[in-house]
Protein backbone atom coordinates (compact mmCIF):
# COMPACT_ATOMS: atom_id res chain seq x y z
CA MET A 1 55.61 -29.65 -57.56
CA SER A 2 55.01 -31.18 -54.95
CA THR A 3 52.10 -33.68 -55.09
CA PHE A 4 51.55 -33.02 -51.40
CA TYR A 5 51.05 -29.88 -49.65
CA GLU A 6 53.83 -28.92 -47.08
CA ARG A 7 51.04 -26.79 -45.25
CA PHE A 8 47.33 -27.91 -44.64
CA GLU A 9 44.79 -25.11 -45.28
CA ARG A 10 42.42 -25.36 -42.37
CA HIS A 11 38.69 -24.82 -41.60
CA ASP A 12 40.33 -22.47 -39.03
CA HIS A 13 43.31 -20.92 -41.00
CA ALA A 14 45.30 -21.76 -38.71
CA THR A 15 49.30 -20.35 -38.87
CA GLY A 16 52.07 -21.67 -37.27
CA LEU A 17 52.96 -25.58 -36.05
CA LYS A 18 49.05 -25.72 -36.76
CA ALA A 19 49.03 -25.12 -40.03
CA ARG A 20 51.53 -28.06 -40.23
CA SER A 21 49.33 -30.30 -38.19
CA THR A 22 46.33 -32.96 -39.86
CA HIS A 23 43.36 -33.38 -39.11
CA TYR A 24 43.96 -37.15 -38.51
CA CYS A 25 44.21 -38.82 -34.53
CA PRO A 26 47.89 -40.19 -34.16
CA GLY A 27 48.51 -42.83 -34.94
CA CYS A 28 45.74 -43.26 -37.82
CA GLY A 29 47.01 -44.59 -41.53
CA HIS A 30 45.13 -42.16 -43.24
CA GLY A 31 48.08 -40.00 -43.45
CA LEU A 32 50.26 -42.66 -44.48
CA VAL A 33 48.18 -43.48 -47.20
CA HIS A 34 47.70 -40.05 -47.99
CA LYS A 35 51.51 -39.51 -48.29
CA MET A 36 52.10 -43.27 -50.30
CA LEU A 37 49.17 -42.42 -53.18
CA ALA A 38 51.15 -38.64 -53.34
CA ASP A 39 54.33 -40.48 -54.38
CA ALA A 40 53.05 -42.53 -56.77
CA ILE A 41 51.11 -40.04 -58.09
CA GLU A 42 55.00 -37.77 -58.44
CA ALA A 43 57.10 -40.79 -59.23
CA LEU A 44 54.79 -41.69 -62.26
CA GLY A 45 54.77 -37.99 -63.29
CA VAL A 46 50.65 -37.93 -63.32
CA GLN A 47 49.97 -35.12 -61.07
CA ASP A 48 48.41 -32.76 -63.98
CA ARG A 49 46.14 -35.72 -64.94
CA THR A 50 44.85 -36.96 -61.74
CA VAL A 51 41.70 -36.78 -59.99
CA ALA A 52 41.21 -37.64 -56.41
CA ILE A 53 37.51 -38.80 -55.09
CA SER A 54 36.78 -38.09 -51.36
CA PRO A 55 33.28 -39.11 -50.44
CA VAL A 56 31.98 -38.66 -46.69
CA GLY A 57 34.00 -39.95 -44.07
CA CYS A 58 37.46 -39.53 -42.83
CA SER A 59 38.56 -40.12 -46.59
CA VAL A 60 36.71 -36.43 -47.14
CA PHE A 61 39.85 -34.52 -46.06
CA LEU A 62 41.81 -35.98 -48.65
CA HIS A 63 41.61 -32.74 -50.86
CA TYR A 64 43.35 -30.87 -47.82
CA TYR A 65 46.70 -32.58 -48.87
CA LEU A 66 46.95 -33.74 -52.53
CA ASP A 67 47.87 -31.31 -54.84
CA VAL A 68 45.65 -32.70 -57.80
CA GLY A 69 42.17 -32.13 -58.76
CA ASN A 70 39.73 -33.53 -56.34
CA SER A 71 35.53 -33.98 -56.42
CA GLN A 72 33.61 -34.38 -53.40
CA ALA A 73 30.81 -37.42 -53.70
CA ALA A 74 28.12 -38.43 -51.39
CA HIS A 75 28.36 -40.87 -49.19
CA GLY A 76 29.21 -44.12 -50.68
CA ARG A 77 28.83 -42.64 -54.77
CA ALA A 78 32.81 -41.87 -55.25
CA PRO A 79 33.18 -44.81 -57.90
CA ALA A 80 30.37 -43.72 -59.69
CA VAL A 81 31.46 -39.94 -59.71
CA ALA A 82 34.80 -41.57 -60.58
CA LEU A 83 33.38 -43.39 -63.72
CA GLY A 84 31.53 -40.18 -64.64
CA HIS A 85 35.37 -38.36 -64.54
CA LYS A 86 36.81 -41.19 -66.57
CA LEU A 87 33.99 -41.15 -69.35
CA ALA A 88 34.27 -37.47 -69.96
CA ASN A 89 38.01 -37.24 -69.49
CA PRO A 90 39.75 -40.93 -70.73
CA ARG A 91 43.18 -39.48 -70.04
CA ALA A 92 42.43 -38.54 -66.41
CA VAL A 93 44.06 -40.86 -64.22
CA VAL A 94 40.94 -40.85 -61.47
CA VAL A 95 41.71 -42.37 -57.77
CA SER A 96 38.32 -43.16 -55.99
CA TYR A 97 39.29 -43.08 -52.27
CA GLN A 98 37.39 -44.31 -49.65
CA GLY A 99 36.77 -45.92 -46.25
CA ASP A 100 35.14 -49.30 -45.18
CA GLY A 101 32.03 -47.78 -44.28
CA ASP A 102 31.70 -45.99 -47.49
CA LEU A 103 32.47 -48.27 -49.88
CA ALA A 104 31.27 -51.99 -48.01
CA SER A 105 28.01 -50.55 -47.13
CA ILE A 106 25.93 -47.42 -48.65
CA GLY A 107 28.69 -47.38 -51.67
CA LEU A 108 28.14 -51.51 -52.29
CA ALA A 109 26.26 -51.81 -54.82
CA GLU A 110 28.32 -48.74 -56.72
CA ILE A 111 32.01 -50.08 -56.15
CA ILE A 112 30.55 -53.60 -57.68
CA GLN A 113 28.98 -52.28 -60.44
CA ALA A 114 32.08 -50.03 -61.54
CA ALA A 115 34.49 -52.97 -61.03
CA GLN A 116 32.16 -55.05 -62.94
CA LEU A 117 32.56 -52.85 -66.00
CA ALA A 118 36.19 -52.99 -65.68
CA LEU A 119 37.21 -49.53 -66.85
CA PRO A 120 40.50 -48.28 -65.94
CA LEU A 121 40.72 -46.65 -62.66
CA THR A 122 41.75 -46.77 -59.23
CA VAL A 123 40.20 -47.61 -55.43
CA ILE A 124 42.02 -47.01 -52.59
CA PHE A 125 40.02 -49.19 -49.54
CA VAL A 126 40.98 -48.18 -46.26
CA ASN A 127 39.46 -50.57 -43.86
CA ASN A 128 39.83 -50.00 -40.39
CA ALA A 129 36.97 -51.82 -39.56
CA ILE A 130 35.33 -49.27 -37.85
CA TYR A 131 32.79 -46.20 -39.03
CA GLY A 132 35.94 -43.84 -37.54
CA MET A 133 34.53 -40.07 -38.42
CA THR A 134 30.85 -40.76 -37.22
CA GLY A 135 31.12 -41.98 -33.73
CA GLY A 136 32.48 -45.81 -33.97
CA GLN A 137 29.69 -47.54 -34.97
CA LEU A 138 29.68 -50.85 -36.64
CA ALA A 139 30.93 -51.49 -40.09
CA PRO A 140 30.66 -54.15 -42.80
CA THR A 141 34.52 -55.43 -41.83
CA THR A 142 34.13 -54.86 -38.15
CA LEU A 143 35.31 -58.20 -36.77
CA MET A 144 33.35 -60.82 -34.81
CA GLY A 145 33.24 -59.96 -31.02
CA GLN A 146 34.68 -56.89 -31.72
CA LYS A 147 32.75 -53.79 -29.50
CA THR A 148 31.14 -50.61 -31.14
CA SER A 149 29.36 -48.13 -30.06
CA THR A 150 26.39 -49.80 -31.86
CA SER A 151 27.20 -53.10 -30.97
CA PRO A 152 28.36 -52.57 -27.08
CA GLY A 153 28.40 -56.61 -26.69
CA GLY A 154 30.70 -57.45 -29.59
CA ARG A 155 29.35 -58.29 -32.95
CA ASP A 156 27.88 -61.21 -33.01
CA ARG A 157 25.81 -63.80 -35.74
CA LEU A 158 22.57 -62.09 -35.75
CA MET A 159 25.13 -58.94 -37.06
CA GLY A 160 26.78 -60.60 -39.94
CA GLN A 161 29.74 -62.10 -40.60
CA PRO A 162 32.96 -59.16 -41.89
CA LEU A 163 32.54 -58.61 -45.60
CA ARG A 164 36.07 -59.40 -47.29
CA MET A 165 35.76 -56.80 -50.38
CA ALA A 166 39.69 -57.89 -51.59
CA GLU A 167 38.30 -60.98 -52.35
CA LEU A 168 34.75 -59.94 -52.89
CA ILE A 169 36.14 -58.13 -55.67
CA ALA A 170 38.70 -60.35 -56.83
CA GLN A 171 36.31 -63.37 -58.21
CA MET A 172 34.62 -60.40 -60.22
CA ASP A 173 35.77 -60.67 -64.17
CA GLY A 174 36.66 -57.11 -64.43
CA PRO A 175 39.52 -56.07 -62.58
CA VAL A 176 42.71 -56.64 -63.14
CA TYR A 177 44.51 -56.17 -59.92
CA VAL A 178 43.34 -56.76 -56.01
CA GLU A 179 45.71 -56.78 -53.45
CA ARG A 180 45.27 -56.30 -50.14
CA VAL A 181 48.06 -54.16 -47.70
CA ALA A 182 48.85 -53.09 -44.20
CA LEU A 183 50.82 -50.64 -42.24
CA TYR A 184 51.65 -51.92 -39.19
CA ASP A 185 55.24 -52.36 -39.76
CA ALA A 186 57.90 -51.46 -42.14
CA LYS A 187 57.93 -54.03 -44.15
CA GLN A 188 54.06 -53.93 -45.04
CA ARG A 189 54.26 -50.57 -45.38
CA THR A 190 56.65 -50.83 -48.30
CA ARG A 191 54.50 -53.61 -49.46
CA ALA A 192 51.59 -50.86 -49.45
CA ALA A 193 53.37 -48.15 -51.14
CA ARG A 194 54.20 -50.57 -53.94
CA ALA A 195 50.79 -52.02 -54.02
CA ILE A 196 49.52 -48.16 -54.51
CA GLU A 197 51.78 -47.28 -56.86
CA LYS A 198 50.79 -50.23 -59.08
CA ALA A 199 47.24 -50.01 -58.93
CA VAL A 200 47.87 -46.12 -60.34
CA ARG A 201 50.28 -47.10 -62.80
CA LEU A 202 48.41 -49.80 -64.37
CA GLN A 203 45.62 -46.87 -65.11
CA ARG A 204 47.78 -44.67 -66.23
CA ASP A 205 49.16 -47.63 -68.74
CA ASP A 206 45.37 -47.91 -69.54
CA VAL A 207 45.39 -51.54 -68.26
CA GLY A 208 42.52 -51.92 -65.95
CA PHE A 209 40.56 -51.62 -62.95
CA SER A 210 43.20 -51.83 -59.90
CA PHE A 211 41.66 -52.31 -56.27
CA VAL A 212 43.87 -52.15 -53.24
CA GLU A 213 42.57 -52.62 -49.73
CA VAL A 214 44.80 -50.96 -47.05
CA LEU A 215 44.55 -52.77 -43.47
CA ALA A 216 44.83 -49.37 -41.07
CA GLU A 217 44.57 -48.45 -37.62
CA CYS A 218 42.17 -46.31 -35.32
CA PRO A 219 43.44 -45.80 -31.97
CA THR A 220 40.76 -43.57 -30.94
CA HIS A 221 37.93 -46.17 -31.79
CA LEU A 222 40.00 -49.00 -30.62
CA GLY A 223 40.81 -47.00 -27.09
CA LEU A 224 44.63 -48.08 -27.62
CA SER A 225 47.90 -46.60 -28.20
CA PRO A 226 49.10 -46.04 -31.55
CA VAL A 227 51.32 -49.24 -31.13
CA GLU A 228 49.00 -51.00 -29.58
CA ALA A 229 46.57 -50.51 -32.48
CA GLU A 230 49.43 -51.56 -34.99
CA GLY A 231 49.49 -54.67 -32.73
CA TRP A 232 45.82 -55.38 -32.92
CA VAL A 233 45.62 -54.98 -36.49
CA ARG A 234 48.50 -57.88 -36.96
CA GLU A 235 46.64 -60.15 -34.73
CA LYS A 236 43.52 -59.50 -35.17
CA MET A 237 42.51 -58.12 -38.35
CA VAL A 238 44.72 -60.11 -40.29
CA PRO A 239 43.75 -63.53 -40.14
CA VAL A 240 40.36 -62.13 -40.89
CA PHE A 241 41.57 -60.13 -43.59
CA PRO A 242 44.43 -62.45 -45.09
CA LEU A 243 47.49 -59.78 -46.82
CA GLY A 244 48.69 -60.57 -49.96
CA VAL A 245 47.47 -60.36 -54.06
CA LYS A 246 44.40 -61.49 -54.70
CA LYS A 247 44.20 -61.39 -58.77
CA ASP A 248 47.46 -60.12 -60.63
CA LEU A 249 46.40 -60.29 -64.35
CA ALA A 250 48.97 -59.78 -67.51
CA PRO A 251 49.13 -56.39 -68.40
CA ALA A 252 47.29 -56.02 -71.84
CA PRO A 253 45.97 -52.55 -72.68
CA PHE A 254 42.26 -52.02 -72.04
CA GLY A 255 41.92 -50.80 -75.70
CA PRO A 256 40.15 -47.71 -76.93
CA TRP A 257 36.56 -46.65 -76.32
CA PRO A 258 34.74 -43.83 -77.87
CA GLU A 259 36.32 -40.27 -76.87
CA PRO A 260 33.35 -38.24 -75.60
CA THR A 261 32.43 -35.39 -77.55
CA PHE A 262 31.69 -31.74 -76.61
CA ASP A 263 30.23 -30.52 -80.02
CA ALA A 264 27.61 -28.50 -79.05
CA ALA A 265 25.39 -29.29 -82.45
CA ARG A 266 25.95 -33.26 -81.72
CA LEU A 267 24.64 -32.45 -78.23
CA LEU A 268 21.59 -30.69 -79.48
CA GLU A 269 20.68 -33.31 -81.95
CA ALA A 270 21.28 -36.23 -78.98
CA ILE A 271 18.75 -34.30 -77.04
CA GLY A 272 16.42 -32.61 -79.38
CA GLY A 273 17.79 -29.52 -78.68
CA THR A 274 17.66 -26.55 -81.40
CA ALA A 275 20.67 -24.09 -81.92
CA ASP A 276 17.54 -21.44 -82.93
CA PRO A 277 17.82 -18.50 -81.29
CA VAL A 278 14.99 -17.69 -78.78
CA PRO A 279 13.62 -14.73 -78.53
CA ARG A 280 13.05 -12.79 -75.11
CA PHE A 281 9.68 -10.64 -74.55
CA CYS A 282 10.72 -9.88 -70.43
CA GLN A 283 11.70 -6.11 -70.12
CA GLY A 284 13.73 -7.61 -66.92
CA PHE A 285 13.49 -9.86 -63.93
CA PRO A 286 10.13 -10.12 -63.00
CA ARG A 287 9.05 -7.54 -60.38
CA THR A 288 6.54 -9.49 -58.47
CA GLY A 289 7.36 -8.07 -54.58
CA TRP A 290 9.07 -11.60 -53.75
CA GLY A 291 12.58 -10.20 -54.83
CA ASP A 292 15.44 -11.86 -57.33
CA ASP A 293 14.91 -15.43 -55.96
CA ILE A 294 11.30 -16.55 -56.39
CA ALA A 295 10.10 -20.06 -55.69
CA LEU A 296 7.43 -22.12 -57.27
CA LYS A 297 6.14 -25.78 -56.14
CA PHE A 298 3.85 -27.95 -58.86
CA ALA A 299 2.37 -31.07 -57.25
CA GLY A 300 -0.09 -33.28 -57.45
CA ALA A 301 -0.74 -37.32 -58.40
CA GLY A 302 1.90 -39.40 -61.06
CA GLY A 303 0.22 -38.58 -64.57
CA ASP A 304 -0.84 -35.28 -63.84
CA GLY A 305 2.13 -33.54 -65.49
CA ALA A 306 3.47 -30.85 -62.50
CA GLN A 307 6.73 -32.56 -63.56
CA THR A 308 6.06 -31.30 -66.92
CA ALA A 309 4.50 -28.19 -65.99
CA ALA A 310 7.83 -27.46 -63.97
CA LEU A 311 10.20 -27.78 -66.57
CA LEU A 312 8.68 -26.11 -69.25
CA VAL A 313 8.42 -22.87 -66.62
CA THR A 314 12.13 -23.59 -66.30
CA LYS A 315 13.03 -23.74 -69.45
CA ALA A 316 11.08 -20.39 -70.28
CA ALA A 317 12.95 -18.74 -67.73
CA ILE A 318 16.08 -20.04 -69.07
CA ASN A 319 15.29 -18.01 -72.54
CA GLU A 320 14.54 -15.11 -71.01
CA GLY A 321 18.19 -15.39 -69.63
CA PHE A 322 17.64 -15.69 -65.43
CA ASP A 323 19.29 -18.36 -63.78
CA ALA A 324 16.49 -21.27 -62.90
CA THR A 325 16.54 -24.84 -61.80
CA HIS A 326 14.19 -27.73 -61.42
CA ILE A 327 14.41 -30.56 -59.18
CA PRO A 328 11.61 -33.31 -59.33
CA SER A 329 10.74 -35.54 -56.49
CA TYR A 330 8.10 -38.46 -57.23
CA GLY A 331 8.31 -40.32 -53.92
CA PRO A 332 7.14 -43.59 -53.59
CA GLU A 333 2.82 -42.31 -53.57
CA SER A 334 3.96 -40.63 -56.94
CA ARG A 335 0.46 -42.56 -59.04
CA GLY A 336 -2.88 -41.50 -56.58
CA GLY A 337 -0.53 -39.58 -53.92
CA THR A 338 1.08 -36.21 -54.34
CA SER A 339 4.64 -35.85 -57.02
CA TYR A 340 5.94 -32.39 -57.09
CA ALA A 341 8.91 -29.81 -58.16
CA ASP A 342 10.69 -27.24 -57.00
CA VAL A 343 11.21 -24.42 -59.17
CA ARG A 344 13.84 -21.47 -58.57
CA VAL A 345 14.09 -18.55 -60.82
CA ALA A 346 16.81 -15.79 -60.02
CA GLY A 347 18.06 -12.76 -61.44
CA GLY A 348 21.30 -13.44 -60.34
CA GLU A 349 22.36 -17.17 -59.24
CA VAL A 350 20.07 -19.84 -57.63
CA LEU A 351 21.17 -20.79 -54.38
CA SER A 352 19.62 -23.58 -53.25
CA PRO A 353 16.98 -25.52 -55.26
CA ALA A 354 14.47 -26.45 -52.98
CA ALA A 355 11.66 -24.65 -52.84
CA PRO A 356 10.42 -25.75 -48.97
CA HIS A 357 8.19 -22.20 -48.45
CA PRO A 358 7.43 -21.09 -52.20
CA HIS A 359 5.80 -18.27 -53.65
CA VAL A 360 3.67 -19.85 -55.82
CA LEU A 361 2.26 -23.18 -55.32
CA MET A 362 0.06 -24.61 -58.21
CA ALA A 363 -1.63 -27.70 -57.19
CA PHE A 364 -3.28 -30.47 -59.19
CA ASN A 365 -5.02 -32.70 -56.54
CA ALA A 366 -6.27 -32.27 -52.93
CA PRO A 367 -3.70 -34.41 -51.11
CA SER A 368 -1.17 -31.65 -53.04
CA LEU A 369 -2.91 -28.70 -51.87
CA ALA A 370 -3.21 -30.00 -48.33
CA ARG A 371 0.22 -30.73 -48.24
CA PHE A 372 2.07 -27.97 -49.09
CA ALA A 373 -0.97 -25.06 -49.34
CA GLY A 374 0.34 -24.28 -45.37
CA ASP A 375 4.09 -23.75 -46.80
CA VAL A 376 3.28 -21.09 -49.34
CA VAL A 377 5.07 -17.78 -47.71
CA PRO A 378 2.92 -14.68 -46.60
CA GLY A 379 2.29 -12.54 -49.90
CA GLY A 380 2.53 -15.89 -51.94
CA VAL A 381 -0.38 -17.22 -54.23
CA VAL A 382 -1.87 -20.85 -54.33
CA ILE A 383 -3.72 -22.15 -57.36
CA TYR A 384 -5.49 -24.95 -57.74
CA ASP A 385 -7.43 -27.26 -60.47
CA SER A 386 -10.97 -26.41 -59.09
CA SER A 387 -12.64 -29.31 -61.11
CA ILE A 388 -10.53 -31.78 -59.02
CA ILE A 389 -10.29 -29.67 -55.47
CA THR A 390 -13.81 -28.51 -54.51
CA GLU A 391 -13.41 -27.20 -51.19
CA PRO A 392 -10.09 -25.92 -50.97
CA PRO A 393 -8.44 -25.45 -47.35
CA ALA A 394 -8.54 -22.44 -45.43
CA LEU A 395 -5.55 -21.03 -45.36
CA PRO A 396 -3.45 -17.58 -43.29
CA GLU A 397 -4.68 -14.49 -44.34
CA GLY A 398 -2.36 -12.62 -46.93
CA ILE A 399 -2.33 -15.78 -49.11
CA ARG A 400 -3.99 -14.85 -52.36
CA VAL A 401 -6.46 -18.24 -53.45
CA VAL A 402 -7.40 -19.09 -57.15
CA GLY A 403 -9.26 -21.61 -58.53
CA VAL A 404 -8.95 -22.84 -62.40
CA PRO A 405 -10.88 -25.46 -63.66
CA CYS A 406 -7.45 -26.84 -65.53
CA SER A 407 -8.87 -30.36 -65.99
CA ALA A 408 -12.35 -29.20 -67.57
CA ILE A 409 -10.68 -26.84 -69.69
CA ALA A 410 -8.49 -29.51 -71.27
CA HIS A 411 -11.37 -31.64 -71.49
CA GLU A 412 -13.22 -29.16 -73.47
CA LEU A 413 -9.87 -28.45 -75.45
CA GLY A 414 -10.47 -32.27 -76.25
CA ARG A 415 -7.02 -33.62 -74.66
CA ARG A 416 -6.88 -33.76 -71.23
CA VAL A 417 -3.14 -34.45 -70.89
CA VAL A 418 -2.89 -30.69 -71.94
CA LYS A 419 -4.21 -29.46 -68.47
CA ASN A 420 -0.94 -28.95 -67.03
CA VAL A 421 -0.20 -26.47 -69.68
CA VAL A 422 -3.73 -25.28 -68.67
CA ALA A 423 -1.78 -25.05 -64.97
CA VAL A 424 0.89 -23.41 -66.36
CA GLY A 425 -1.05 -20.90 -68.10
CA ALA A 426 -3.38 -19.75 -64.24
CA MET A 427 0.06 -19.61 -63.08
CA LEU A 428 1.15 -16.77 -65.58
CA GLY A 429 -2.40 -15.58 -64.91
CA ALA A 430 -2.42 -15.45 -61.29
CA THR A 431 0.99 -14.10 -60.95
CA HIS A 432 1.80 -12.23 -64.17
CA LEU A 433 5.79 -13.59 -63.92
CA PHE A 434 6.27 -13.84 -67.26
CA PRO A 435 4.58 -12.22 -70.76
CA GLU A 436 2.58 -14.65 -72.36
CA GLU A 437 4.94 -15.03 -75.40
CA THR A 438 7.61 -16.02 -73.15
CA LEU A 439 5.52 -19.54 -72.47
CA LEU A 440 4.84 -19.61 -76.14
CA ALA A 441 8.02 -19.19 -77.35
CA ALA A 442 9.23 -22.57 -74.32
CA ILE A 443 5.88 -24.96 -76.34
CA ARG A 444 7.33 -24.21 -79.45
CA GLN A 445 10.79 -25.06 -78.63
CA ALA A 446 9.36 -27.88 -76.26
CA LEU A 447 7.38 -29.19 -79.16
CA HIS A 448 9.51 -28.44 -82.28
CA ALA A 449 9.83 -32.35 -83.55
CA LYS A 450 5.75 -32.31 -83.14
CA PRO A 451 4.34 -29.20 -84.50
CA GLY A 452 0.95 -31.12 -85.03
CA LEU A 453 0.64 -30.46 -80.80
CA ILE A 454 1.68 -26.41 -80.79
CA PRO A 455 -1.64 -24.95 -81.52
CA LEU A 456 -3.79 -26.81 -79.20
CA ASN A 457 -1.07 -26.27 -76.72
CA GLU A 458 -1.10 -22.73 -77.11
CA GLN A 459 -4.85 -22.77 -76.88
CA ALA A 460 -4.44 -24.40 -73.88
CA LEU A 461 -1.87 -21.89 -72.31
CA ASP A 462 -4.22 -18.99 -72.81
CA ARG A 463 -7.26 -20.72 -71.51
CA GLY A 464 -5.89 -21.67 -68.15
CA LEU A 465 -4.41 -17.95 -68.24
CA LYS A 466 -7.64 -15.77 -68.88
CA ALA A 467 -9.37 -18.28 -66.64
CA ALA A 468 -6.76 -17.19 -63.65
CA GLU A 469 -7.19 -13.07 -64.78
CA ALA A 470 -11.26 -13.80 -64.39
CA ALA A 471 -10.69 -16.17 -61.41
CA ALA A 472 -8.86 -13.24 -59.61
CA ALA A 473 -10.94 -10.57 -60.93
CA GLY A 474 -13.68 -12.37 -59.29
CA ARG A 475 -15.74 -13.08 -62.78
């Protein structure tokens, strides 16, 4: 089976001639590098083992053209995603395919750490000296004096010198092979194809980390014809980025590393979990009038336990067979300001884990209440720690407000740290999302290694639940 697709399934589902045209501008180097990489994969017989990582930028389109495994990475994070694939499946041939704005700017830390770690990986770095996709801005590899949309007068000393990534990677201890190649004539294209194939072969043979930098043309942002752009690379880029092999160690097998395990028993042991079945108490998805996808937000100062409370509710929902997600957000103000976690619970599938407009807000402190209370949807409920927040703000009509002295109850129980469990109980009492037994089961599951703490937490949950029911009833 050919590694390079003969037809390109574009977003507009084009047919005829358009179905055979690429996304790239005339004269762009990416298409050539794609074909070279596909030819190398095919020649080495590793198509079924290959995973290509394509991040943000012009590199993002790689998955349209190569019939191999593919993962999309956030801007600059392709090496981190590549490492994940390689460690999860050491037999995979993983190719991180990146541009200069991606690898040499936001992803600089990732590529440095991946190179020094030295696992067998292949990095193809396309350097066209500019941010191609996003509008022609200054890149870390932009030449001195080169004009871009963000350096209209040309790059000067205050913008720093261009980064020579091949030399930077080559001087590190980890990589085994580093070369810079170009595409501006037939001779250079042949060398580039050989370099890319060698970089893939060294990974196939489990030798080590390889890095190939390709000087490529971007006629669109240079304002040149494809032929003129080839001349610009040869005359302007090559003196700054000299071609050639920067590092080439004698091949020596990397050596074995621990194979990953997917054994459930070992995984449970590692995370302190249990394989015991968890009882279910819900008769169906919670009937609240909020539909089959309920959003909750837990917010407080660092140390209030909002994250733990949110995670407890998430695990309780999963135990009941619902789809549930937990997204923490700590922020720079987590000590003394507001730290929050979003929880979504769905009868089907959670489509978005964020909760910008929650149905339920549990606020542990005044800044959190002030920040998020206005986001609660009409018909929602706000629960707050009334022993900390003495004067809650006025909220729109239709939002229920329930104050529960979570901190005071925890103090009465002799352990202030259980106020987050009191708060979970208060959330249950105010919403009746789940039976109390659902959260009790989650508490026992979470504390199975510390059974002495279970009775206190069970009591905290019950006290919070009853206090919220009393507050809601006006008692």
